[in-house]
Amino acid sequence: MEGEGNERKFTLSFSSEEPYDRWWGTEILSHSEGALDLTRLNSIGCVLFNHDRDRVIGKITRAWVENNRGQAEIEFDADADSEMIFQKASSGTLKGVSVGYQVDVWEEVAAGKKSTDGRFTGPCDVATKWTPFEISIVSVPADPTVGVGRAKEGEKPEGKGVSSFYYNEKQLQINQNFLQEVKNRES
């Protein structure tokens, strides 16, 4: 997390094109031109703790895409709950960042085939149109390549473990939209 002059305002990365193994297969969030709809983050975006909608700890002052990564400038609130998370993030205890999002368009890429834009090789499902709803400071991130102190391209932590508890929790929280997409395809 990089300071921006105001001690409570920071720049961080919140998403990447790092492949992520979901229960149905590999998911990739495209960061190509026009893939992300950042309107919501830039107009009413907030920062949560562990995706808990009742634990708003700050606001998103600006979100953009740079080097195929979602970037945001956030500002922590000054209330007691936010202060505790701010202190843990500032000290390096909490480094994880996650994004809550909805996928509007998927591209299924068969094994050994290339995505339409030629950037990804299957088997994978590429989210080619998606909308981030919130950014969370989290204790266990799904994508270890983004987060506090990882605003620049190529800054990756060591190790890539994800607990099964967190994996199952993320499936329920973020990817219900995939099940809806499957239902829509069947209709």
C-alpha atoms as a PDB file:
ATOM      1  CA  MET A   1       0.000   0.000   0.000  1.00  0.00           C
ATOM      2  CA  GLU A   2       1.521   3.281  -1.051  1.00  0.00           C
ATOM      3  CA  GLY A   3       0.807   6.533   0.783  1.00  0.00           C
ATOM      4  CA  GLU A   4      -0.489   9.449  -1.236  1.00  0.00           C
ATOM      5  CA  GLY A   5       0.343  12.350   1.096  1.00  0.00           C
ATOM      6  CA  ASN A   6      -2.783  11.947   3.260  1.00  0.00           C
ATOM      7  CA  GLU A   7      -1.836   9.362   5.888  1.00  0.00           C
ATOM      8  CA  ARG A   8      -5.199   7.536   5.495  1.00  0.00           C
ATOM      9  CA  LYS A   9      -5.187   7.488   1.676  1.00  0.00           C
ATOM     10  CA  PHE A  10      -3.421   4.658  -0.185  1.00  0.00           C
ATOM     11  CA  THR A  11      -3.067   3.126  -3.642  1.00  0.00           C
ATOM     12  CA  LEU A  12      -3.395  -0.645  -4.018  1.00  0.00           C
ATOM     13  CA  SER A  13      -4.170  -3.336  -6.567  1.00  0.00           C
ATOM     14  CA  PHE A  14      -7.492  -5.147  -6.219  1.00  0.00           C
ATOM     15  CA  SER A  15      -7.633  -7.523  -9.196  1.00  0.00           C
ATOM     16  CA  SER A  16      -5.423  -9.196 -11.787  1.00  0.00           C
ATOM     17  CA  GLU A  17      -5.515 -11.702 -14.623  1.00  0.00           C
ATOM     18  CA  GLU A  18      -4.035 -14.409 -12.405  1.00  0.00           C
ATOM     19  CA  PRO A  19      -5.873 -17.690 -13.204  1.00  0.00           C
ATOM     20  CA  TYR A  20      -7.912 -18.905 -10.249  1.00  0.00           C
ATOM     21  CA  ASP A  21      -9.180 -22.470  -9.857  1.00  0.00           C
ATOM     22  CA  ARG A  22     -12.894 -22.484  -9.075  1.00  0.00           C
ATOM     23  CA  TRP A  23     -15.043 -25.549  -8.499  1.00  0.00           C
ATOM     24  CA  TRP A  24     -16.100 -25.551 -12.169  1.00  0.00           C
ATOM     25  CA  GLY A  25     -12.666 -24.823 -13.664  1.00  0.00           C
ATOM     26  CA  THR A  26     -10.198 -21.990 -14.107  1.00  0.00           C
ATOM     27  CA  GLU A  27     -11.458 -18.399 -13.976  1.00  0.00           C
ATOM     28  CA  ILE A  28      -9.607 -15.403 -15.409  1.00  0.00           C
ATOM     29  CA  LEU A  29     -10.766 -11.815 -14.977  1.00  0.00           C
ATOM     30  CA  SER A  30      -9.864  -9.985 -18.176  1.00  0.00           C
ATOM     31  CA  HIS A  31      -8.466  -6.489 -17.766  1.00  0.00           C
ATOM     32  CA  SER A  32      -8.574  -5.663 -21.492  1.00  0.00           C
ATOM     33  CA  GLU A  33      -9.940  -2.314 -22.636  1.00  0.00           C
ATOM     34  CA  GLY A  34     -13.635  -2.186 -21.718  1.00  0.00           C
ATOM     35  CA  ALA A  35     -13.702  -5.447 -19.728  1.00  0.00           C
ATOM     36  CA  LEU A  36     -14.236  -3.771 -16.348  1.00  0.00           C
ATOM     37  CA  ASP A  37     -17.122  -1.435 -15.673  1.00  0.00           C
ATOM     38  CA  LEU A  38     -15.621   0.803 -12.996  1.00  0.00           C
ATOM     39  CA  THR A  39     -18.596   3.190 -12.852  1.00  0.00           C
ATOM     40  CA  ARG A  40     -19.899   1.813  -9.558  1.00  0.00           C
ATOM     41  CA  LEU A  41     -16.500   1.823  -7.810  1.00  0.00           C
ATOM     42  CA  ASN A  42     -15.811   5.365  -8.977  1.00  0.00           C
ATOM     43  CA  SER A  43     -19.222   6.708  -7.968  1.00  0.00           C
ATOM     44  CA  ILE A  44     -20.227   4.896  -4.752  1.00  0.00           C
ATOM     45  CA  GLY A  45     -17.376   2.460  -4.097  1.00  0.00           C
ATOM     46  CA  CYS A  46     -16.565   1.499  -0.544  1.00  0.00           C
ATOM     47  CA  VAL A  47     -13.914  -0.534   1.210  1.00  0.00           C
ATOM     48  CA  LEU A  48     -15.092  -3.411   3.403  1.00  0.00           C
ATOM     49  CA  PHE A  49     -13.379  -5.753   5.826  1.00  0.00           C
ATOM     50  CA  ASN A  50     -13.589  -9.419   4.707  1.00  0.00           C
ATOM     51  CA  HIS A  51     -16.513  -8.679   2.325  1.00  0.00           C
ATOM     52  CA  ASP A  52     -18.753  -7.899   5.314  1.00  0.00           C
ATOM     53  CA  ARG A  53     -21.270  -5.304   4.137  1.00  0.00           C
ATOM     54  CA  ASP A  54     -21.770  -4.245   7.756  1.00  0.00           C
ATOM     55  CA  ARG A  55     -18.066  -3.407   8.174  1.00  0.00           C
ATOM     56  CA  VAL A  56     -17.459  -0.428   5.907  1.00  0.00           C
ATOM     57  CA  ILE A  57     -13.947   0.812   6.693  1.00  0.00           C
ATOM     58  CA  GLY A  58     -13.361   3.373   3.968  1.00  0.00           C
ATOM     59  CA  LYS A  59     -14.136   4.742   0.542  1.00  0.00           C
ATOM     60  CA  ILE A  60     -12.750   4.340  -2.935  1.00  0.00           C
ATOM     61  CA  THR A  61     -11.656   7.731  -4.213  1.00  0.00           C
ATOM     62  CA  ARG A  62     -10.564   6.482  -7.650  1.00  0.00           C
ATOM     63  CA  ALA A  63     -10.360   3.163  -9.536  1.00  0.00           C
ATOM     64  CA  TRP A  64      -8.644   2.421 -12.861  1.00  0.00           C
ATOM     65  CA  VAL A  65      -6.871  -0.333 -14.854  1.00  0.00           C
ATOM     66  CA  GLU A  66      -3.111  -0.239 -15.337  1.00  0.00           C
ATOM     67  CA  ASN A  67      -0.782  -3.011 -16.562  1.00  0.00           C
ATOM     68  CA  ASN A  68      -3.691  -5.500 -16.641  1.00  0.00           C
ATOM     69  CA  ARG A  69      -4.472  -4.913 -12.964  1.00  0.00           C
ATOM     70  CA  GLY A  70      -7.340  -3.199 -11.197  1.00  0.00           C
ATOM     71  CA  GLN A  71      -5.920  -0.305  -9.189  1.00  0.00           C
ATOM     72  CA  ALA A  72      -7.610   1.892  -6.636  1.00  0.00           C
ATOM     73  CA  GLU A  73      -6.918   4.778  -4.392  1.00  0.00           C
ATOM     74  CA  ILE A  74      -8.706   4.190  -1.092  1.00  0.00           C
ATOM     75  CA  GLU A  75      -9.124   6.235   2.061  1.00  0.00           C
ATOM     76  CA  PHE A  76      -9.713   4.630   5.453  1.00  0.00           C
ATOM     77  CA  ASP A  77     -12.408   6.078   7.735  1.00  0.00           C
ATOM     78  CA  ALA A  78     -11.431   7.286  11.238  1.00  0.00           C
ATOM     79  CA  ASP A  79     -13.974   5.368  13.396  1.00  0.00           C
ATOM     80  CA  ALA A  80     -12.727   2.718  15.862  1.00  0.00           C
ATOM     81  CA  ASP A  81     -13.411  -0.323  13.632  1.00  0.00           C
ATOM     82  CA  SER A  82     -11.761   1.277  10.593  1.00  0.00           C
ATOM     83  CA  GLU A  83      -8.821   2.459  12.681  1.00  0.00           C
ATOM     84  CA  MET A  84      -8.109  -1.090  13.844  1.00  0.00           C
ATOM     85  CA  ILE A  85      -8.018  -2.419  10.253  1.00  0.00           C
ATOM     86  CA  PHE A  86      -6.040   0.632   9.079  1.00  0.00           C
ATOM     87  CA  GLN A  87      -3.392  -0.013  11.759  1.00  0.00           C
ATOM     88  CA  LYS A  88      -3.143  -3.713  10.832  1.00  0.00           C
ATOM     89  CA  ALA A  89      -2.792  -2.848   7.133  1.00  0.00           C
ATOM     90  CA  SER A  90      -0.255  -0.088   7.822  1.00  0.00           C
ATOM     91  CA  SER A  91       1.868  -2.377   9.988  1.00  0.00           C
ATOM     92  CA  GLY A  92       1.815  -5.178   7.411  1.00  0.00           C
ATOM     93  CA  THR A  93      -0.273  -7.610   9.471  1.00  0.00           C
ATOM     94  CA  LEU A  94      -3.121  -7.440   6.932  1.00  0.00           C
ATOM     95  CA  LYS A  95      -1.908  -7.473   3.329  1.00  0.00           C
ATOM     96  CA  GLY A  96      -4.733  -9.238   1.485  1.00  0.00           C
ATOM     97  CA  VAL A  97      -7.178  -7.499  -0.822  1.00  0.00           C
ATOM     98  CA  SER A  98     -10.149  -9.029  -2.586  1.00  0.00           C
ATOM     99  CA  VAL A  99     -12.848  -7.716  -4.880  1.00  0.00           C
ATOM    100  CA  GLY A 100     -16.555  -8.479  -4.879  1.00  0.00           C
ATOM    101  CA  TYR A 101     -17.839  -8.555  -8.446  1.00  0.00           C
ATOM    102  CA  GLN A 102     -20.433  -9.754 -10.917  1.00  0.00           C
ATOM    103  CA  VAL A 103     -19.584 -11.259 -14.284  1.00  0.00           C
ATOM    104  CA  ASP A 104     -21.856 -10.155 -17.117  1.00  0.00           C
ATOM    105  CA  VAL A 105     -20.165 -12.012 -20.022  1.00  0.00           C
ATOM    106  CA  TRP A 106     -18.056 -15.181 -19.967  1.00  0.00           C
ATOM    107  CA  GLU A 107     -15.933 -16.611 -22.764  1.00  0.00           C
ATOM    108  CA  GLU A 108     -15.432 -20.368 -22.488  1.00  0.00           C
ATOM    109  CA  VAL A 109     -12.033 -21.348 -23.890  1.00  0.00           C
ATOM    110  CA  ALA A 110     -11.608 -25.053 -24.708  1.00  0.00           C
ATOM    111  CA  ALA A 111      -8.479 -26.985 -23.761  1.00  0.00           C
ATOM    112  CA  GLY A 112      -5.552 -26.023 -25.983  1.00  0.00           C
ATOM    113  CA  LYS A 113      -7.509 -23.212 -27.693  1.00  0.00           C
ATOM    114  CA  LYS A 114      -6.876 -19.461 -27.440  1.00  0.00           C
ATOM    115  CA  SER A 115      -9.348 -16.855 -26.231  1.00  0.00           C
ATOM    116  CA  THR A 116     -10.858 -14.534 -28.843  1.00  0.00           C
ATOM    117  CA  ASP A 117      -8.233 -11.878 -28.083  1.00  0.00           C
ATOM    118  CA  GLY A 118      -5.444 -14.504 -28.168  1.00  0.00           C
ATOM    119  CA  ARG A 119      -4.274 -13.707 -24.650  1.00  0.00           C
ATOM    120  CA  PHE A 120      -5.422 -16.797 -22.721  1.00  0.00           C
ATOM    121  CA  THR A 121      -5.084 -20.530 -23.394  1.00  0.00           C
ATOM    122  CA  GLY A 122      -7.794 -22.951 -22.274  1.00  0.00           C
ATOM    123  CA  PRO A 123      -9.224 -24.682 -20.592  1.00  0.00           C
ATOM    124  CA  CYS A 124     -10.520 -21.593 -18.819  1.00  0.00           C
ATOM    125  CA  ASP A 125     -13.484 -19.278 -18.488  1.00  0.00           C
ATOM    126  CA  VAL A 126     -12.593 -15.632 -19.100  1.00  0.00           C
ATOM    127  CA  ALA A 127     -14.755 -12.895 -17.616  1.00  0.00           C
ATOM    128  CA  THR A 128     -14.774 -10.486 -20.569  1.00  0.00           C
ATOM    129  CA  LYS A 129     -17.335  -8.074 -19.088  1.00  0.00           C
ATOM    130  CA  TRP A 130     -17.478  -7.723 -15.327  1.00  0.00           C
ATOM    131  CA  THR A 131     -18.372  -5.183 -12.670  1.00  0.00           C
ATOM    132  CA  PRO A 132     -16.527  -4.805  -9.366  1.00  0.00           C
ATOM    133  CA  PHE A 133     -18.920  -3.872  -6.524  1.00  0.00           C
ATOM    134  CA  GLU A 134     -16.560  -3.403  -3.584  1.00  0.00           C
ATOM    135  CA  ILE A 135     -12.968  -3.786  -2.485  1.00  0.00           C
ATOM    136  CA  SER A 136     -12.196  -5.598   0.757  1.00  0.00           C
ATOM    137  CA  ILE A 137      -9.185  -5.714   2.986  1.00  0.00           C
ATOM    138  CA  VAL A 138      -9.114  -9.440   3.801  1.00  0.00           C
ATOM    139  CA  SER A 139      -7.262 -11.823   6.046  1.00  0.00           C
ATOM    140  CA  VAL A 140      -7.091 -14.596   3.385  1.00  0.00           C
ATOM    141  CA  PRO A 141      -7.180 -13.415  -0.269  1.00  0.00           C
ATOM    142  CA  ALA A 142      -8.125 -15.611  -3.238  1.00  0.00           C
ATOM    143  CA  ASP A 143      -5.588 -13.826  -5.473  1.00  0.00           C
ATOM    144  CA  PRO A 144      -2.266 -13.478  -3.650  1.00  0.00           C
ATOM    145  CA  THR A 145      -0.814 -11.283  -6.418  1.00  0.00           C
ATOM    146  CA  VAL A 146      -2.922  -8.252  -5.445  1.00  0.00           C
ATOM    147  CA  GLY A 147      -3.266  -6.373  -2.201  1.00  0.00           C
ATOM    148  CA  VAL A 148      -1.691  -4.025   0.249  1.00  0.00           C
ATOM    149  CA  GLY A 149       1.840  -3.299  -0.915  1.00  0.00           C
ATOM    150  CA  ARG A 150       1.171  -4.886  -4.327  1.00  0.00           C
ATOM    151  CA  ALA A 151       0.095  -1.903  -6.367  1.00  0.00           C
ATOM    152  CA  LYS A 152       2.781  -2.365  -9.004  1.00  0.00           C
ATOM    153  CA  GLU A 153       2.929  -5.028 -11.711  1.00  0.00           C
ATOM    154  CA  GLY A 154       5.035  -8.033 -10.860  1.00  0.00           C
ATOM    155  CA  GLU A 155       5.009  -7.652  -7.081  1.00  0.00           C
ATOM    156  CA  LYS A 156       3.985 -11.167  -6.032  1.00  0.00           C
ATOM    157  CA  PRO A 157       4.159 -12.741  -2.578  1.00  0.00           C
ATOM    158  CA  GLU A 158       5.792 -16.101  -1.986  1.00  0.00           C
ATOM    159  CA  GLY A 159       3.459 -19.112  -1.849  1.00  0.00           C
ATOM    160  CA  LYS A 160      -0.027 -19.474  -3.248  1.00  0.00           C
ATOM    161  CA  GLY A 161      -1.984 -21.509  -0.669  1.00  0.00           C
ATOM    162  CA  VAL A 162      -5.712 -20.926  -0.184  1.00  0.00           C
ATOM    163  CA  SER A 163      -7.559 -22.618   2.645  1.00  0.00           C
ATOM    164  CA  SER A 164     -10.540 -24.775   1.718  1.00  0.00           C
ATOM    165  CA  PHE A 165     -12.690 -22.782   4.160  1.00  0.00           C
ATOM    166  CA  TYR A 166     -11.951 -19.534   2.369  1.00  0.00           C
ATOM    167  CA  TYR A 167     -12.353 -21.153  -1.041  1.00  0.00           C
ATOM    168  CA  ASN A 168     -15.857 -22.381  -0.168  1.00  0.00           C
ATOM    169  CA  GLU A 169     -16.775 -19.043   1.403  1.00  0.00           C
ATOM    170  CA  LYS A 170     -15.711 -17.148  -1.742  1.00  0.00           C
ATOM    171  CA  GLN A 171     -17.767 -19.458  -3.939  1.00  0.00           C
ATOM    172  CA  LEU A 172     -20.874 -18.576  -1.966  1.00  0.00           C
ATOM    173  CA  GLN A 173     -20.150 -14.850  -1.720  1.00  0.00           C
ATOM    174  CA  ILE A 174     -18.882 -13.862  -5.137  1.00  0.00           C
ATOM    175  CA  ASN A 175     -19.746 -16.436  -7.775  1.00  0.00           C
ATOM    176  CA  GLN A 176     -23.465 -16.949  -7.387  1.00  0.00           C
ATOM    177  CA  ASN A 177     -23.583 -14.986 -10.619  1.00  0.00           C
ATOM    178  CA  PHE A 178     -21.907 -17.901 -12.428  1.00  0.00           C
ATOM    179  CA  LEU A 179     -24.754 -20.217 -11.421  1.00  0.00           C
ATOM    180  CA  GLN A 180     -27.212 -17.634 -12.692  1.00  0.00           C
ATOM    181  CA  GLU A 181     -25.302 -17.489 -15.990  1.00  0.00           C
ATOM    182  CA  VAL A 182     -25.547 -21.288 -16.302  1.00  0.00           C
ATOM    183  CA  LYS A 183     -29.298 -21.089 -15.680  1.00  0.00           C
ATOM    184  CA  ASN A 184     -29.597 -18.348 -18.291  1.00  0.00           C
ATOM    185  CA  ARG A 185     -27.727 -20.471 -20.846  1.00  0.00           C
ATOM    186  CA  GLU A 186     -30.081 -23.394 -20.227  1.00  0.00           C
ATOM    187  CA  SER A 187     -33.149 -21.213 -20.776  1.00  0.00           C
END
